Amino acid sequence: MSWLVAFPVVLIVAPMARRVVQSLVKA
């Protein structure tokens, strides 16, 4: 996987992962 593909994927996944972590911490 090239960085040109990985970079936008990380930008999309990072906020979603952070939201999941926050929901787990609050639970």
PDB file of N, CA and C in Angstrom:
ATOM      1  N   MET A   1       0.853  -1.206   0.000  1.00  0.00           N
ATOM      2  CA  MET A   1       0.000   0.000   0.000  1.00  0.00           C
ATOM      3  C   MET A   1       0.885   1.250   0.000  1.00  0.00           C
ATOM      4  N   SER A   2       0.637   2.127  -0.949  1.00  0.00           N
ATOM      5  CA  SER A   2       1.462   3.340  -1.045  1.00  0.00           C
ATOM      6  C   SER A   2       0.977   4.395  -0.064  1.00  0.00           C
ATOM      7  N   TRP A   3       1.848   5.350   0.259  1.00  0.00           N
ATOM      8  CA  TRP A   3       1.480   6.429   1.195  1.00  0.00           C
ATOM      9  C   TRP A   3       0.343   7.267   0.640  1.00  0.00           C
ATOM     10  N   LEU A   4       0.264   7.390  -0.704  1.00  0.00           N
ATOM     11  CA  LEU A   4      -0.816   8.187  -1.301  1.00  0.00           C
ATOM     12  C   LEU A   4      -2.176   7.574  -0.995  1.00  0.00           C
ATOM     13  N   VAL A   5      -2.189   6.254  -0.799  1.00  0.00           N
ATOM     14  CA  VAL A   5      -3.443   5.586  -0.441  1.00  0.00           C
ATOM     15  C   VAL A   5      -3.622   5.560   1.070  1.00  0.00           C
ATOM     16  N   ALA A   6      -2.541   5.298   1.794  1.00  0.00           N
ATOM     17  CA  ALA A   6      -2.630   5.120   3.238  1.00  0.00           C
ATOM     18  C   ALA A   6      -2.964   6.433   3.950  1.00  0.00           C
ATOM     19  N   PHE A   7      -2.436   7.557   3.454  1.00  0.00           N
ATOM     20  CA  PHE A   7      -2.598   8.826   4.170  1.00  0.00           C
ATOM     21  C   PHE A   7      -4.058   9.245   4.294  1.00  0.00           C
ATOM     22  N   PRO A   8      -4.833   9.316   3.198  1.00  0.00           N
ATOM     23  CA  PRO A   8      -6.247   9.675   3.318  1.00  0.00           C
ATOM     24  C   PRO A   8      -7.040   8.657   4.121  1.00  0.00           C
ATOM     25  N   VAL A   9      -6.654   7.378   4.037  1.00  0.00           N
ATOM     26  CA  VAL A   9      -7.350   6.354   4.826  1.00  0.00           C
ATOM     27  C   VAL A   9      -7.155   6.627   6.315  1.00  0.00           C
ATOM     28  N   VAL A  10      -5.929   6.985   6.703  1.00  0.00           N
ATOM     29  CA  VAL A  10      -5.649   7.293   8.112  1.00  0.00           C
ATOM     30  C   VAL A  10      -6.454   8.510   8.548  1.00  0.00           C
ATOM     31  N   LEU A  11      -6.547   9.520   7.682  1.00  0.00           N
ATOM     32  CA  LEU A  11      -7.296  10.731   8.032  1.00  0.00           C
ATOM     33  C   LEU A  11      -8.762  10.414   8.271  1.00  0.00           C
ATOM     34  N   ILE A  12      -9.282   9.408   7.572  1.00  0.00           N
ATOM     35  CA  ILE A  12     -10.691   9.049   7.733  1.00  0.00           C
ATOM     36  C   ILE A  12     -10.891   8.145   8.948  1.00  0.00           C
ATOM     37  N   VAL A  13      -9.975   7.200   9.139  1.00  0.00           N
ATOM     38  CA  VAL A  13     -10.137   6.205  10.202  1.00  0.00           C
ATOM     39  C   VAL A  13      -9.818   6.789  11.580  1.00  0.00           C
ATOM     40  N   ALA A  14      -8.861   7.711  11.654  1.00  0.00           N
ATOM     41  CA  ALA A  14      -8.419   8.234  12.945  1.00  0.00           C
ATOM     42  C   ALA A  14      -9.561   8.858  13.750  1.00  0.00           C
ATOM     43  N   PRO A  15     -10.374   9.762  13.179  1.00  0.00           N
ATOM     44  CA  PRO A  15     -11.475  10.347  13.952  1.00  0.00           C
ATOM     45  C   PRO A  15     -12.499   9.293  14.374  1.00  0.00           C
ATOM     46  N   MET A  16     -12.742   8.300  13.525  1.00  0.00           N
ATOM     47  CA  MET A  16     -13.705   7.265  13.871  1.00  0.00           C
ATOM     48  C   MET A  16     -13.173   6.421  15.015  1.00  0.00           C
ATOM     49  N   ALA A  17     -11.882   6.088  14.965  1.00  0.00           N
ATOM     50  CA  ALA A  17     -11.279   5.283  16.033  1.00  0.00           C
ATOM     51  C   ALA A  17     -11.297   6.062  17.347  1.00  0.00           C
ATOM     52  N   ARG A  18     -11.014   7.376  17.272  1.00  0.00           N
ATOM     53  CA  ARG A  18     -11.025   8.201  18.489  1.00  0.00           C
ATOM     54  C   ARG A  18     -12.423   8.236  19.086  1.00  0.00           C
ATOM     55  N   ARG A  19     -13.440   8.316  18.217  1.00  0.00           N
ATOM     56  CA  ARG A  19     -14.826   8.355  18.702  1.00  0.00           C
ATOM     57  C   ARG A  19     -15.182   7.047  19.390  1.00  0.00           C
ATOM     58  N   VAL A  20     -14.718   5.931  18.829  1.00  0.00           N
ATOM     59  CA  VAL A  20     -14.994   4.622  19.436  1.00  0.00           C
ATOM     60  C   VAL A  20     -14.306   4.520  20.791  1.00  0.00           C
ATOM     61  N   VAL A  21     -13.062   4.981  20.872  1.00  0.00           N
ATOM     62  CA  VAL A  21     -12.324   4.917  22.137  1.00  0.00           C
ATOM     63  C   VAL A  21     -13.019   5.758  23.196  1.00  0.00           C
ATOM     64  N   GLN A  22     -13.475   6.950  22.817  1.00  0.00           N
ATOM     65  CA  GLN A  22     -14.154   7.823  23.776  1.00  0.00           C
ATOM     66  C   GLN A  22     -15.435   7.177  24.270  1.00  0.00           C
ATOM     67  N   SER A  23     -16.175   6.526  23.380  1.00  0.00           N
ATOM     68  CA  SER A  23     -17.420   5.877  23.785  1.00  0.00           C
ATOM     69  C   SER A  23     -17.127   4.719  24.739  1.00  0.00           C
ATOM     70  N   LEU A  24     -16.008   4.007  24.499  1.00  0.00           N
ATOM     71  CA  LEU A  24     -15.655   2.898  25.384  1.00  0.00           C
ATOM     72  C   LEU A  24     -15.213   3.424  26.745  1.00  0.00           C
ATOM     73  N   VAL A  25     -14.516   4.556  26.756  1.00  0.00           N
ATOM     74  CA  VAL A  25     -14.044   5.116  28.027  1.00  0.00           C
ATOM     75  C   VAL A  25     -15.221   5.621  28.856  1.00  0.00           C
ATOM     76  N   LYS A  26     -16.187   6.231  28.182  1.00  0.00           N
ATOM     77  CA  LYS A  26     -17.357   6.763  28.902  1.00  0.00           C
ATOM     78  C   LYS A  26     -18.237   5.626  29.416  1.00  0.00           C
ATOM     79  N   ALA A  27     -18.248   4.505  28.718  1.00  0.00           N
ATOM     80  CA  ALA A  27     -19.117   3.389  29.099  1.00  0.00           C
ATOM     81  C   ALA A  27     -18.631   2.717  30.390  1.00  0.00           C
TER      82      ALA A  27
END
